[in-house]
Amino acid sequence: MDQARQEAVTWRNRALLLFDRVAMPVAVCDVYGAVLLANPAMAAECGTTPGRLRGRDVLDLFSPREATQVERIAEALRLRHRSRYQVSVRWEAPGGAERYGELTADPVSDTVEDTPALLVMLRVDGERVPSPAPPAGQARVTPMEARILALLAAGATTARAARETGLTTDGVTYHLRRLSSRWHAANRTQLVARAYALGVLTPGVWPPEAPAAE
């Protein structure tokens, strides 16, 4: 018996060593999704250490892209179905990038009667890097510049923008050149896109307009 126990401990230690060395993010969770064990690759995706992941809800770490997926899995586990379950998730990686991928959960247990644990593996499909914050003052525009940008976004020509603002065409061009230089925009399409990205123009509003000054 002592020899059998010793062999069991030896194999357990080997399994844990292999678990830690697996490059894929992997965790073992209870049937409710609480992390029991996580390898360094999984912890790295969360910007922490394996020990600090213990007890955390895996769905607090990785947000499901469709809530109905989780509901179906919970019902299947309640009925003791032993299938492989997949959930599309997104999460914030260290550094602020939003990553997205897929969690795969396999119920595992010593016997069919035992309450299973979940072997959870994470596949990273890609990430969206947040746009850098504009330098201080870059998003500031004068009321005249905001008006010209709104007219451009609505499709106005330089001549029409001049009529609407009371400027000459050269005056409108002067403002556009200043904005293009400040925002490194190669053309008017980019200029309008930057205006929306920087909050100078209000998204979802037609005709285009700048937010009211505070």
Protein backbone atom coordinates (compact mmCIF):
# COMPACT_ATOMS: atom_id res chain seq x y z
CA MET A 1 0.00 0.00 0.00
CA ASP A 2 2.84 2.38 0.88
CA GLN A 3 4.49 1.66 -2.45
CA ALA A 4 1.20 2.29 -4.32
CA ARG A 5 0.74 5.58 -2.48
CA GLN A 6 4.30 6.61 -3.24
CA GLU A 7 3.83 5.83 -6.94
CA ALA A 8 0.59 7.83 -6.94
CA VAL A 9 2.40 10.82 -5.42
CA THR A 10 5.20 10.48 -7.98
CA TRP A 11 2.77 10.48 -10.90
CA ARG A 12 0.84 13.38 -9.40
CA ASN A 13 4.02 15.44 -9.15
CA ARG A 14 4.94 14.58 -12.74
CA ALA A 15 1.47 15.58 -13.92
CA LEU A 16 1.70 18.91 -12.08
CA LEU A 17 5.14 19.56 -13.59
CA LEU A 18 3.76 18.87 -17.06
CA PHE A 19 0.71 21.04 -16.28
CA ASP A 20 2.96 23.96 -15.38
CA ARG A 21 5.06 23.58 -18.53
CA VAL A 22 2.18 23.46 -21.01
CA ALA A 23 2.34 26.55 -23.21
CA MET A 24 -1.44 26.72 -23.64
CA PRO A 25 -3.33 28.54 -20.84
CA VAL A 26 -4.98 25.78 -18.78
CA ALA A 27 -6.91 25.70 -15.51
CA VAL A 28 -8.88 23.19 -13.45
CA CYS A 29 -12.18 24.53 -12.10
CA ASP A 30 -14.95 23.11 -9.99
CA VAL A 31 -18.34 22.54 -11.57
CA TYR A 32 -19.36 26.11 -10.66
CA GLY A 33 -16.39 27.64 -12.48
CA ALA A 34 -14.17 28.50 -9.48
CA VAL A 35 -10.48 28.05 -10.32
CA LEU A 36 -8.83 25.24 -8.35
CA LEU A 37 -5.53 25.18 -10.21
CA ALA A 38 -4.03 27.27 -13.01
CA ASN A 39 -0.81 27.03 -14.95
CA PRO A 40 1.55 29.99 -15.45
CA ALA A 41 0.32 30.54 -19.03
CA MET A 42 -3.26 31.02 -17.80
CA ALA A 43 -2.11 33.31 -15.01
CA ALA A 44 -0.08 35.38 -17.49
CA GLU A 45 -3.23 36.05 -19.54
CA CYS A 46 -4.77 37.55 -16.40
CA GLY A 47 -1.66 39.49 -15.38
CA THR A 48 -1.18 37.62 -12.12
CA THR A 49 0.28 34.43 -10.61
CA PRO A 50 -1.29 30.95 -10.51
CA GLY A 51 -1.80 31.12 -6.75
CA ARG A 52 -3.79 34.35 -7.00
CA LEU A 53 -6.22 32.78 -9.45
CA ARG A 54 -7.40 30.15 -6.98
CA GLY A 55 -11.02 30.69 -6.01
CA ARG A 56 -11.66 33.22 -8.81
CA ASP A 57 -14.65 32.63 -11.06
CA VAL A 58 -13.34 31.85 -14.54
CA LEU A 59 -16.23 33.84 -16.07
CA ASP A 60 -15.16 36.92 -14.10
CA LEU A 61 -11.77 36.61 -15.77
CA PHE A 62 -13.06 35.89 -19.27
CA SER A 63 -16.35 37.48 -20.34
CA PRO A 64 -18.61 35.31 -22.53
CA ARG A 65 -19.52 36.94 -25.82
CA GLU A 66 -22.90 35.19 -25.69
CA ALA A 67 -24.59 34.62 -22.32
CA THR A 68 -26.78 31.85 -23.75
CA GLN A 69 -23.68 29.68 -24.26
CA VAL A 70 -23.03 29.63 -20.52
CA GLU A 71 -26.66 28.90 -19.71
CA ARG A 72 -26.66 25.86 -21.99
CA ILE A 73 -23.44 24.55 -20.44
CA ALA A 74 -24.75 25.03 -16.89
CA GLU A 75 -27.89 23.07 -17.76
CA ALA A 76 -25.87 20.30 -19.40
CA LEU A 77 -23.61 19.99 -16.34
CA ARG A 78 -26.63 19.90 -14.04
CA LEU A 79 -27.89 16.93 -16.05
CA ARG A 80 -24.39 15.37 -15.82
CA HIS A 81 -23.79 15.43 -19.55
CA ARG A 82 -20.13 14.74 -20.21
CA SER A 83 -19.35 16.57 -23.41
CA ARG A 84 -16.79 19.12 -24.45
CA TYR A 85 -18.15 22.66 -24.09
CA GLN A 86 -16.88 25.75 -25.86
CA VAL A 87 -17.48 29.41 -25.00
CA SER A 88 -16.41 32.42 -27.06
CA VAL A 89 -14.85 34.94 -24.65
CA ARG A 90 -13.05 38.26 -24.50
CA TRP A 91 -10.81 39.69 -21.79
CA GLU A 92 -8.39 42.49 -21.05
CA ALA A 93 -4.79 41.37 -21.30
CA PRO A 94 -1.92 42.97 -19.37
CA GLY A 95 -1.16 46.25 -21.12
CA GLY A 96 -4.81 47.04 -21.84
CA ALA A 97 -5.32 45.20 -25.14
CA GLU A 98 -8.67 43.46 -25.55
CA ARG A 99 -8.13 39.84 -26.54
CA TYR A 100 -10.70 37.39 -27.77
CA GLY A 101 -10.72 33.63 -28.15
CA GLU A 102 -12.38 30.45 -26.97
CA LEU A 103 -12.59 28.60 -23.66
CA THR A 104 -12.96 24.84 -23.93
CA ALA A 105 -14.21 22.98 -20.84
CA ASP A 106 -13.97 19.20 -20.47
CA PRO A 107 -15.69 17.57 -17.45
CA VAL A 108 -13.26 15.17 -15.74
CA SER A 109 -13.67 12.87 -12.74
CA ASP A 110 -12.48 9.49 -11.45
CA THR A 111 -15.91 7.85 -11.84
CA VAL A 112 -19.15 8.63 -13.62
CA GLU A 113 -20.88 9.13 -10.27
CA ASP A 114 -18.40 11.70 -8.98
CA THR A 115 -19.11 15.40 -9.39
CA PRO A 116 -16.80 16.41 -12.24
CA ALA A 117 -14.18 19.09 -12.26
CA LEU A 118 -13.68 21.13 -15.42
CA LEU A 119 -10.44 21.10 -17.36
CA VAL A 120 -10.50 24.53 -18.98
CA MET A 121 -8.24 25.47 -21.91
CA LEU A 122 -7.97 28.91 -23.48
CA ARG A 123 -7.29 29.53 -27.15
CA VAL A 124 -6.27 33.07 -28.04
CA ASP A 125 -7.60 34.08 -31.46
CA GLY A 126 -6.51 37.71 -31.58
CA GLU A 127 -6.54 41.09 -29.90
CA ARG A 128 -7.58 44.67 -30.41
CA VAL A 129 -4.95 47.16 -29.31
CA PRO A 130 -6.45 50.33 -27.81
CA SER A 131 -5.76 53.52 -29.72
CA PRO A 132 -3.16 55.67 -27.99
CA ALA A 133 -4.53 58.70 -26.19
CA PRO A 134 -4.09 61.86 -28.21
CA PRO A 135 -1.43 64.30 -26.97
CA ALA A 136 -2.72 66.96 -24.63
CA GLY A 137 -4.62 69.59 -26.55
CA GLN A 138 -4.82 67.62 -29.79
CA ALA A 139 -8.57 67.07 -29.52
CA ARG A 140 -9.26 70.75 -28.82
CA VAL A 141 -10.74 72.66 -31.71
CA THR A 142 -12.21 76.10 -32.06
CA PRO A 143 -15.97 76.48 -32.61
CA MET A 144 -15.22 77.45 -36.23
CA GLU A 145 -13.08 74.35 -36.78
CA ALA A 146 -15.80 72.15 -35.28
CA ARG A 147 -18.40 73.73 -37.56
CA ILE A 148 -16.24 73.16 -40.64
CA LEU A 149 -15.64 69.52 -39.66
CA ALA A 150 -19.37 68.94 -39.19
CA LEU A 151 -20.06 70.39 -42.64
CA LEU A 152 -17.35 68.19 -44.17
CA ALA A 153 -18.78 65.12 -42.48
CA ALA A 154 -22.16 65.94 -44.05
CA GLY A 155 -20.53 66.04 -47.49
CA ALA A 156 -20.14 69.80 -47.96
CA THR A 157 -17.65 71.16 -50.46
CA THR A 158 -15.16 73.88 -49.58
CA ALA A 159 -17.39 76.43 -51.31
CA ARG A 160 -20.47 75.39 -49.39
CA ALA A 161 -18.56 75.34 -46.09
CA ALA A 162 -17.44 78.87 -46.86
CA ARG A 163 -21.02 80.01 -47.48
CA GLU A 164 -22.31 78.32 -44.32
CA THR A 165 -19.61 79.79 -42.08
CA GLY A 166 -19.25 83.19 -43.68
CA LEU A 167 -15.58 82.55 -44.52
CA THR A 168 -13.83 82.69 -47.86
CA THR A 169 -12.81 79.42 -49.50
CA ASP A 170 -9.22 80.29 -48.62
CA GLY A 171 -10.28 80.69 -44.98
CA VAL A 172 -11.89 77.24 -44.92
CA THR A 173 -8.81 75.73 -46.58
CA TYR A 174 -6.59 77.41 -43.98
CA HIS A 175 -8.50 75.77 -41.10
CA LEU A 176 -8.47 72.38 -42.82
CA ARG A 177 -4.74 72.54 -43.38
CA ARG A 178 -4.13 73.37 -39.73
CA LEU A 179 -6.30 70.45 -38.62
CA SER A 180 -4.67 68.06 -41.10
CA SER A 181 -1.23 69.01 -39.84
CA ARG A 182 -2.25 68.67 -36.18
CA TRP A 183 -3.90 65.26 -36.66
CA HIS A 184 -1.54 63.94 -39.38
CA ALA A 185 -4.50 63.36 -41.71
CA ALA A 186 -3.65 62.70 -45.35
CA ASN A 187 -7.05 63.70 -46.75
CA ARG A 188 -10.49 64.94 -45.75
CA THR A 189 -11.84 61.42 -45.17
CA GLN A 190 -9.13 60.82 -42.57
CA LEU A 191 -9.77 64.25 -41.10
CA VAL A 192 -13.45 63.46 -40.49
CA ALA A 193 -12.56 60.00 -39.12
CA ARG A 194 -10.12 61.57 -36.63
CA ALA A 195 -12.75 64.10 -35.60
CA TYR A 196 -15.12 61.27 -34.62
CA ALA A 197 -12.35 59.25 -32.96
CA LEU A 198 -11.29 62.24 -30.84
CA GLY A 199 -14.86 63.12 -29.84
CA VAL A 200 -14.89 66.37 -31.77
CA LEU A 201 -17.99 65.14 -33.65
CA THR A 202 -20.81 63.25 -31.96
CA PRO A 203 -21.20 59.63 -33.18
CA GLY A 204 -24.67 58.46 -34.21
CA VAL A 205 -26.01 61.95 -34.90
CA TRP A 206 -27.23 63.21 -38.30
CA PRO A 207 -26.63 65.77 -39.55
CA PRO A 208 -23.13 65.71 -38.02
CA GLU A 209 -22.55 68.07 -35.13
CA ALA A 210 -20.00 68.81 -32.45
CA PRO A 211 -20.87 68.16 -28.76
CA ALA A 212 -22.19 71.19 -26.93
CA ALA A 213 -19.47 73.15 -25.17
CA GLU A 214 -19.43 72.72 -21.38
